[in-house]
Every structure is written in structure tokens, then in C-alpha cells.
Amino acid sequence: MKLIDSVKQAKEQSKKRKFNQSVDLIINLKNIDLKKPENRIISEFFLPGGRGKDVKVAVIADSLATQAKPHCELVIRKEEISKLASKKKNLKKIAKEYDWFLAEAPLMVEIGKTLGTVLGPRGKMPKPVPPKVEIEPFIQRARDTVRVILRDTPVIQVCVGAESLDNAKIAANATAVLGFVKEKLPKGRNNIRSALVKLTMGKPVKIEV
């Protein structure tokens, strides 16, 4: 079965929900020693077909704050960093609500010292953006970027689109992620036991690797 047909099947056999379900790619691995740090994966990957779903982006900025405001969901200005650090409850809420954080590069040291204890463990440390650049492309790219993580268990689960996204684009995203993962694994394809696609509330459908 072609990957695009598997995506179609996954959609068809999932009940309609009141929200735009994510489409996940699940890669089950074999013969890989995850006690070795070099075999783990913590990377970001840009989906060529787009994500097809709203993603919330927060920007921590100084000189780029005004420019960033129309293009993202939240702007945290330089002078607000220390205030936010003292309100851990609010910071934890923001960390949970927003998918990606970007920050002007010169602010990264201060952010690490003040907000890092909350954002770091949640995998939400900001991606640095050079000052004096047009920030909109960085924000838009973040919206179509996903995390590819392999840590303690031999399974990788990655969002490759949304229910509303065209099947061909989802299939293209899944193919691209599979290729990326194969390159990262020590034995490539030989480390993959199986791969599946599924909607958030749907049943998994096996795909060819």
C-alpha cells in the first residue's frame, strides 16, 4: 500500500471529532542501544508540506518586538523577562500553551538564567534569532517545524500534519521524516521495525518503510 493510501485509510477509519486531529507518524525501532548518547535523537525538522494546524509562537524580543507583534501570538519584551521569572505559575502556563519560543540572540544568556529552569525541561527553550533581521520568516518556519525525539524508549512519534491537510502533503511530510530518521539511525533502515500513521483519536495504519 502506498503511503498516501495509508494516510487516506487512517482518516477514513477515524470517527469525526469536533477538532482538527493531528496525523502522527510512529516509528518502532529495533536493535538500537539507547544507553549510548550518540544513538539518541533530539532534533527539529521542517515539514515540506506544512503542518496544516494552528501553532502558537511566542517571541522574546527587544528591538524586534514591534516587528514581531503582528505575526505571532505572544511577544515578551526584554523588560518583562525578570517579572515573568518571578511568576513561575504564569510562566508554566505560557510554556504549556505555546508550541515554539523564539528570542533575539543577545537575550539568550538572560533567558537561560531566568526562564531556563521552566522552559528547558519542557523542551521549550527559545530558538535564537539574530538581531536586525526580518523576523516574520523565522516565525512562519516555526509553525511548520516539529520535534523528532528518541530518548529512552525505541519509538519515535512525530506530527506530520493534520486531518484537514491534503493527503499528498501528509504523505510527503511522512516520507521526509522517515528519510531524516534513517540518516540519523546507526544502521539506517535496519534499525526500523515498523512504521504507522494514525490520527489523534484513530487507529494506526501500517506503512511501508
C-alpha atoms as a PDB file:
ATOM      1  CA  MET A   1       0.000   0.000   0.000  1.00  0.00           C
ATOM      2  CA  LYS A   2       1.348   3.425  -0.924  1.00  0.00           C
ATOM      3  CA  LEU A   3       1.882   5.861   1.907  1.00  0.00           C
ATOM      4  CA  ILE A   4      -0.772   8.222   0.563  1.00  0.00           C
ATOM      5  CA  ASP A   5      -3.295   5.355   0.626  1.00  0.00           C
ATOM      6  CA  SER A   6      -2.361   4.588   4.236  1.00  0.00           C
ATOM      7  CA  VAL A   7      -2.999   8.225   5.157  1.00  0.00           C
ATOM      8  CA  LYS A   8      -6.370   8.092   3.409  1.00  0.00           C
ATOM      9  CA  GLN A   9      -7.265   4.876   5.253  1.00  0.00           C
ATOM     10  CA  ALA A  10      -6.234   6.347   8.612  1.00  0.00           C
ATOM     11  CA  LYS A  11      -8.573   9.283   8.010  1.00  0.00           C
ATOM     12  CA  GLU A  12     -11.464   7.153   6.781  1.00  0.00           C
ATOM     13  CA  GLN A  13     -11.433   4.772   9.734  1.00  0.00           C
ATOM     14  CA  SER A  14     -11.258   7.543  12.334  1.00  0.00           C
ATOM     15  CA  LYS A  15     -14.520   8.956  13.705  1.00  0.00           C
ATOM     16  CA  LYS A  16     -15.106  12.631  13.047  1.00  0.00           C
ATOM     17  CA  ARG A  17     -14.239  14.764  16.033  1.00  0.00           C
ATOM     18  CA  LYS A  18     -15.002  18.344  16.980  1.00  0.00           C
ATOM     19  CA  PHE A  19     -11.370  19.340  16.469  1.00  0.00           C
ATOM     20  CA  ASN A  20      -8.783  19.139  13.722  1.00  0.00           C
ATOM     21  CA  GLN A  21      -6.931  15.956  14.674  1.00  0.00           C
ATOM     22  CA  SER A  22      -3.182  15.663  14.242  1.00  0.00           C
ATOM     23  CA  VAL A  23      -1.754  12.975  11.989  1.00  0.00           C
ATOM     24  CA  ASP A  24       1.192  11.234  13.637  1.00  0.00           C
ATOM     25  CA  LEU A  25       3.946   9.095  12.203  1.00  0.00           C
ATOM     26  CA  ILE A  26       5.027   6.348  14.618  1.00  0.00           C
ATOM     27  CA  ILE A  27       8.359   4.627  14.001  1.00  0.00           C
ATOM     28  CA  ASN A  28       9.109   1.492  16.051  1.00  0.00           C
ATOM     29  CA  LEU A  29      12.807   0.688  16.279  1.00  0.00           C
ATOM     30  CA  LYS A  30      14.893  -2.426  16.880  1.00  0.00           C
ATOM     31  CA  ASN A  31      18.500  -3.369  17.654  1.00  0.00           C
ATOM     32  CA  ILE A  32      19.437   0.047  18.987  1.00  0.00           C
ATOM     33  CA  ASP A  33      21.207   0.765  22.285  1.00  0.00           C
ATOM     34  CA  LEU A  34      19.656   3.924  23.693  1.00  0.00           C
ATOM     35  CA  LYS A  35      22.071   3.929  26.623  1.00  0.00           C
ATOM     36  CA  LYS A  36      24.569   5.320  24.151  1.00  0.00           C
ATOM     37  CA  PRO A  37      24.025   9.087  23.817  1.00  0.00           C
ATOM     38  CA  GLU A  38      25.084   9.021  20.155  1.00  0.00           C
ATOM     39  CA  ASN A  39      22.082   6.832  19.327  1.00  0.00           C
ATOM     40  CA  ARG A  40      19.552   9.297  20.718  1.00  0.00           C
ATOM     41  CA  ILE A  41      17.869  11.940  18.603  1.00  0.00           C
ATOM     42  CA  ILE A  42      16.724  15.390  19.684  1.00  0.00           C
ATOM     43  CA  SER A  43      16.216  17.388  16.507  1.00  0.00           C
ATOM     44  CA  GLU A  44      13.881  19.794  14.792  1.00  0.00           C
ATOM     45  CA  PHE A  45      12.510  19.098  11.334  1.00  0.00           C
ATOM     46  CA  PHE A  46      10.753  21.396   8.861  1.00  0.00           C
ATOM     47  CA  LEU A  47       7.724  19.753   7.240  1.00  0.00           C
ATOM     48  CA  PRO A  48       7.863  20.465   3.483  1.00  0.00           C
ATOM     49  CA  GLY A  49       4.096  20.067   3.096  1.00  0.00           C
ATOM     50  CA  GLY A  50       3.268  22.280   6.059  1.00  0.00           C
ATOM     51  CA  ARG A  51       1.672  21.304   9.341  1.00  0.00           C
ATOM     52  CA  GLY A  52      -1.921  22.158   8.466  1.00  0.00           C
ATOM     53  CA  LYS A  53      -2.757  23.160  12.009  1.00  0.00           C
ATOM     54  CA  ASP A  54      -2.553  26.280  14.134  1.00  0.00           C
ATOM     55  CA  VAL A  55       0.648  26.514  16.135  1.00  0.00           C
ATOM     56  CA  LYS A  56       1.233  29.150  18.802  1.00  0.00           C
ATOM     57  CA  VAL A  57       4.529  31.028  18.650  1.00  0.00           C
ATOM     58  CA  ALA A  58       5.892  33.296  21.385  1.00  0.00           C
ATOM     59  CA  VAL A  59       8.723  35.751  20.723  1.00  0.00           C
ATOM     60  CA  ILE A  60      11.002  37.171  23.415  1.00  0.00           C
ATOM     61  CA  ALA A  61      12.361  40.361  21.945  1.00  0.00           C
ATOM     62  CA  ASP A  62      13.926  43.767  22.397  1.00  0.00           C
ATOM     63  CA  SER A  63      14.484  45.635  19.134  1.00  0.00           C
ATOM     64  CA  LEU A  64      12.350  43.135  17.175  1.00  0.00           C
ATOM     65  CA  ALA A  65       9.306  43.308  19.476  1.00  0.00           C
ATOM     66  CA  THR A  66       7.260  45.748  17.398  1.00  0.00           C
ATOM     67  CA  GLN A  67       8.054  43.919  14.169  1.00  0.00           C
ATOM     68  CA  ALA A  68       7.154  40.529  15.665  1.00  0.00           C
ATOM     69  CA  LYS A  69       3.822  41.512  17.228  1.00  0.00           C
ATOM     70  CA  PRO A  70       1.568  41.209  14.107  1.00  0.00           C
ATOM     71  CA  HIS A  71       2.962  37.775  13.194  1.00  0.00           C
ATOM     72  CA  CYS A  72       2.960  35.792  16.458  1.00  0.00           C
ATOM     73  CA  GLU A  73       0.569  35.053  19.300  1.00  0.00           C
ATOM     74  CA  LEU A  74       2.678  36.487  22.127  1.00  0.00           C
ATOM     75  CA  VAL A  75       5.514  38.974  22.481  1.00  0.00           C
ATOM     76  CA  ILE A  76       7.503  39.063  25.715  1.00  0.00           C
ATOM     77  CA  ARG A  77       9.608  42.220  25.843  1.00  0.00           C
ATOM     78  CA  LYS A  78      13.068  42.370  27.353  1.00  0.00           C
ATOM     79  CA  GLU A  79      11.894  44.315  30.395  1.00  0.00           C
ATOM     80  CA  GLU A  80       9.237  41.679  31.119  1.00  0.00           C
ATOM     81  CA  ILE A  81      11.667  38.750  31.404  1.00  0.00           C
ATOM     82  CA  SER A  82      12.599  39.238  35.072  1.00  0.00           C
ATOM     83  CA  LYS A  83       8.962  39.882  36.059  1.00  0.00           C
ATOM     84  CA  LEU A  84       7.864  36.675  34.340  1.00  0.00           C
ATOM     85  CA  ALA A  85      10.663  34.712  36.010  1.00  0.00           C
ATOM     86  CA  SER A  86       9.280  35.687  39.427  1.00  0.00           C
ATOM     87  CA  LYS A  87       5.829  34.387  38.498  1.00  0.00           C
ATOM     88  CA  LYS A  88       6.547  30.703  37.950  1.00  0.00           C
ATOM     89  CA  LYS A  89       2.867  29.776  37.768  1.00  0.00           C
ATOM     90  CA  ASN A  90       2.291  32.165  34.863  1.00  0.00           C
ATOM     91  CA  LEU A  91       5.491  31.040  33.174  1.00  0.00           C
ATOM     92  CA  LYS A  92       4.476  27.366  33.395  1.00  0.00           C
ATOM     93  CA  LYS A  93       1.093  28.228  31.880  1.00  0.00           C
ATOM     94  CA  ILE A  94       2.756  30.041  28.977  1.00  0.00           C
ATOM     95  CA  ALA A  95       5.211  27.167  28.456  1.00  0.00           C
ATOM     96  CA  LYS A  96       2.280  24.752  28.198  1.00  0.00           C
ATOM     97  CA  GLU A  97       0.177  26.952  25.916  1.00  0.00           C
ATOM     98  CA  TYR A  98       2.806  27.927  23.325  1.00  0.00           C
ATOM     99  CA  ASP A  99       4.416  25.455  20.944  1.00  0.00           C
ATOM    100  CA  TRP A 100       7.535  27.392  19.957  1.00  0.00           C
ATOM    101  CA  PHE A 101       9.572  30.168  21.511  1.00  0.00           C
ATOM    102  CA  LEU A 102      11.908  32.442  19.561  1.00  0.00           C
ATOM    103  CA  ALA A 103      14.232  35.013  21.110  1.00  0.00           C
ATOM    104  CA  GLU A 104      16.675  37.645  19.985  1.00  0.00           C
ATOM    105  CA  ALA A 105      20.111  36.068  20.292  1.00  0.00           C
ATOM    106  CA  PRO A 106      21.572  38.723  22.681  1.00  0.00           C
ATOM    107  CA  LEU A 107      18.839  37.875  25.202  1.00  0.00           C
ATOM    108  CA  MET A 108      19.583  34.152  25.338  1.00  0.00           C
ATOM    109  CA  VAL A 109      22.004  34.343  28.302  1.00  0.00           C
ATOM    110  CA  GLU A 110      19.489  36.256  30.415  1.00  0.00           C
ATOM    111  CA  ILE A 111      16.673  33.905  29.345  1.00  0.00           C
ATOM    112  CA  GLY A 112      18.757  30.877  30.268  1.00  0.00           C
ATOM    113  CA  LYS A 113      19.380  32.233  33.762  1.00  0.00           C
ATOM    114  CA  THR A 114      15.823  33.412  34.472  1.00  0.00           C
ATOM    115  CA  LEU A 115      13.383  31.330  32.410  1.00  0.00           C
ATOM    116  CA  GLY A 116      15.520  28.292  31.627  1.00  0.00           C
ATOM    117  CA  THR A 117      14.515  26.279  34.685  1.00  0.00           C
ATOM    118  CA  VAL A 118      10.923  26.177  33.411  1.00  0.00           C
ATOM    119  CA  LEU A 119      11.371  26.237  29.631  1.00  0.00           C
ATOM    120  CA  GLY A 120      14.391  23.895  29.465  1.00  0.00           C
ATOM    121  CA  PRO A 121      12.895  20.718  30.983  1.00  0.00           C
ATOM    122  CA  ARG A 122       9.818  21.179  28.792  1.00  0.00           C
ATOM    123  CA  GLY A 123      11.861  21.354  25.607  1.00  0.00           C
ATOM    124  CA  LYS A 124      10.730  24.935  25.089  1.00  0.00           C
ATOM    125  CA  MET A 125      13.999  26.864  25.239  1.00  0.00           C
ATOM    126  CA  PRO A 126      13.787  29.611  22.608  1.00  0.00           C
ATOM    127  CA  LYS A 127      15.405  29.335  19.207  1.00  0.00           C
ATOM    128  CA  PRO A 128      17.790  32.294  18.833  1.00  0.00           C
ATOM    129  CA  VAL A 129      17.096  34.862  16.128  1.00  0.00           C
ATOM    130  CA  PRO A 130      19.809  37.317  15.045  1.00  0.00           C
ATOM    131  CA  PRO A 131      19.036  40.968  15.795  1.00  0.00           C
ATOM    132  CA  LYS A 132      18.315  43.346  12.905  1.00  0.00           C
ATOM    133  CA  VAL A 133      16.632  40.714  10.735  1.00  0.00           C
ATOM    134  CA  GLU A 134      13.122  40.364   9.353  1.00  0.00           C
ATOM    135  CA  ILE A 135      11.579  38.083  11.950  1.00  0.00           C
ATOM    136  CA  GLU A 136       8.410  37.005  10.119  1.00  0.00           C
ATOM    137  CA  PRO A 137      10.140  34.200   8.109  1.00  0.00           C
ATOM    138  CA  PHE A 138      11.518  32.746  11.364  1.00  0.00           C
ATOM    139  CA  ILE A 139       8.027  32.732  12.883  1.00  0.00           C
ATOM    140  CA  GLN A 140       6.427  31.161   9.810  1.00  0.00           C
ATOM    141  CA  ARG A 141       9.096  28.469   9.644  1.00  0.00           C
ATOM    142  CA  ALA A 142       8.492  27.607  13.305  1.00  0.00           C
ATOM    143  CA  ARG A 143       4.825  26.979  12.529  1.00  0.00           C
ATOM    144  CA  ASP A 144       5.764  24.129  10.183  1.00  0.00           C
ATOM    145  CA  THR A 145       8.576  22.698  12.305  1.00  0.00           C
ATOM    146  CA  VAL A 146       8.240  19.601  14.502  1.00  0.00           C
ATOM    147  CA  ARG A 147      10.422  17.904  17.094  1.00  0.00           C
ATOM    148  CA  VAL A 148      11.928  14.493  16.360  1.00  0.00           C
ATOM    149  CA  ILE A 149      12.854  12.878  19.681  1.00  0.00           C
ATOM    150  CA  LEU A 150      14.345   9.498  20.541  1.00  0.00           C
ATOM    151  CA  ARG A 151      15.412   9.125  24.167  1.00  0.00           C
ATOM    152  CA  ASP A 152      14.653   6.198  26.447  1.00  0.00           C
ATOM    153  CA  THR A 153      12.204   4.023  24.503  1.00  0.00           C
ATOM    154  CA  PRO A 154      12.722   2.696  20.939  1.00  0.00           C
ATOM    155  CA  VAL A 155       9.781   4.624  19.483  1.00  0.00           C
ATOM    156  CA  ILE A 156       9.650   7.927  17.609  1.00  0.00           C
ATOM    157  CA  GLN A 157       6.302   9.707  17.293  1.00  0.00           C
ATOM    158  CA  VAL A 158       6.155  12.816  15.134  1.00  0.00           C
ATOM    159  CA  CYS A 159       3.283  15.002  13.952  1.00  0.00           C
ATOM    160  CA  VAL A 160       3.317  15.009  10.125  1.00  0.00           C
ATOM    161  CA  GLY A 161       0.204  17.064   9.523  1.00  0.00           C
ATOM    162  CA  ALA A 162      -3.432  17.482  10.433  1.00  0.00           C
ATOM    163  CA  GLU A 163      -6.702  15.896   9.395  1.00  0.00           C
ATOM    164  CA  SER A 164      -7.551  18.960   7.273  1.00  0.00           C
ATOM    165  CA  LEU A 165      -4.276  18.783   5.334  1.00  0.00           C
ATOM    166  CA  ASP A 166      -4.211  17.257   1.845  1.00  0.00           C
ATOM    167  CA  ASN A 167      -3.297  13.542   1.877  1.00  0.00           C
ATOM    168  CA  ALA A 168      -0.436  14.049  -0.585  1.00  0.00           C
ATOM    169  CA  LYS A 169       1.143  16.705   1.639  1.00  0.00           C
ATOM    170  CA  ILE A 170       0.871  14.488   4.703  1.00  0.00           C
ATOM    171  CA  ALA A 171       2.457  11.613   2.787  1.00  0.00           C
ATOM    172  CA  ALA A 172       5.264  13.921   1.615  1.00  0.00           C
ATOM    173  CA  ASN A 173       5.882  15.015   5.203  1.00  0.00           C
ATOM    174  CA  ALA A 174       5.952  11.425   6.456  1.00  0.00           C
ATOM    175  CA  THR A 175       8.343  10.377   3.677  1.00  0.00           C
ATOM    176  CA  ALA A 176      10.658  13.285   4.510  1.00  0.00           C
ATOM    177  CA  VAL A 177      10.661  12.491   8.241  1.00  0.00           C
ATOM    178  CA  LEU A 178      11.342   8.800   7.554  1.00  0.00           C
ATOM    179  CA  GLY A 179      14.302   9.744   5.377  1.00  0.00           C
ATOM    180  CA  PHE A 180      15.621  12.075   8.067  1.00  0.00           C
ATOM    181  CA  VAL A 181      15.312   9.401  10.769  1.00  0.00           C
ATOM    182  CA  LYS A 182      17.014   6.749   8.611  1.00  0.00           C
ATOM    183  CA  GLU A 183      20.015   9.055   8.214  1.00  0.00           C
ATOM    184  CA  LYS A 184      20.200   9.573  11.974  1.00  0.00           C
ATOM    185  CA  LEU A 185      19.983   5.911  12.981  1.00  0.00           C
ATOM    186  CA  PRO A 186      23.283   3.979  13.288  1.00  0.00           C
ATOM    187  CA  LYS A 187      22.085   1.188  10.965  1.00  0.00           C
ATOM    188  CA  GLY A 188      19.563   3.202   8.996  1.00  0.00           C
ATOM    189  CA  ARG A 189      16.625   1.191   7.659  1.00  0.00           C
ATOM    190  CA  ASN A 190      17.842  -1.900   9.542  1.00  0.00           C
ATOM    191  CA  ASN A 191      17.000  -0.194  12.852  1.00  0.00           C
ATOM    192  CA  ILE A 192      13.333   0.257  11.881  1.00  0.00           C
ATOM    193  CA  ARG A 193      10.954  -2.498  12.925  1.00  0.00           C
ATOM    194  CA  SER A 194       7.784  -0.903  11.588  1.00  0.00           C
ATOM    195  CA  ALA A 195       6.104   2.418  10.856  1.00  0.00           C
ATOM    196  CA  LEU A 196       2.487   3.547  11.148  1.00  0.00           C
ATOM    197  CA  VAL A 197       0.314   6.601  10.641  1.00  0.00           C
ATOM    198  CA  LYS A 198      -2.640   7.495  12.843  1.00  0.00           C
ATOM    199  CA  LEU A 199      -4.949  10.337  13.720  1.00  0.00           C
ATOM    200  CA  THR A 200      -5.020  11.561  17.321  1.00  0.00           C
ATOM    201  CA  MET A 201      -8.116   9.510  18.178  1.00  0.00           C
ATOM    202  CA  GLY A 202      -7.843   6.965  15.388  1.00  0.00           C
ATOM    203  CA  LYS A 203      -6.438   3.511  14.806  1.00  0.00           C
ATOM    204  CA  PRO A 204      -2.875   3.119  13.433  1.00  0.00           C
ATOM    205  CA  VAL A 205      -2.342   2.017   9.842  1.00  0.00           C
ATOM    206  CA  LYS A 206       0.911   0.298   8.912  1.00  0.00           C
ATOM    207  CA  ILE A 207       3.014   1.806   6.128  1.00  0.00           C
ATOM    208  CA  GLU A 208       5.909   0.591   4.029  1.00  0.00           C
ATOM    209  CA  VAL A 209       9.300   1.927   5.077  1.00  0.00           C
END
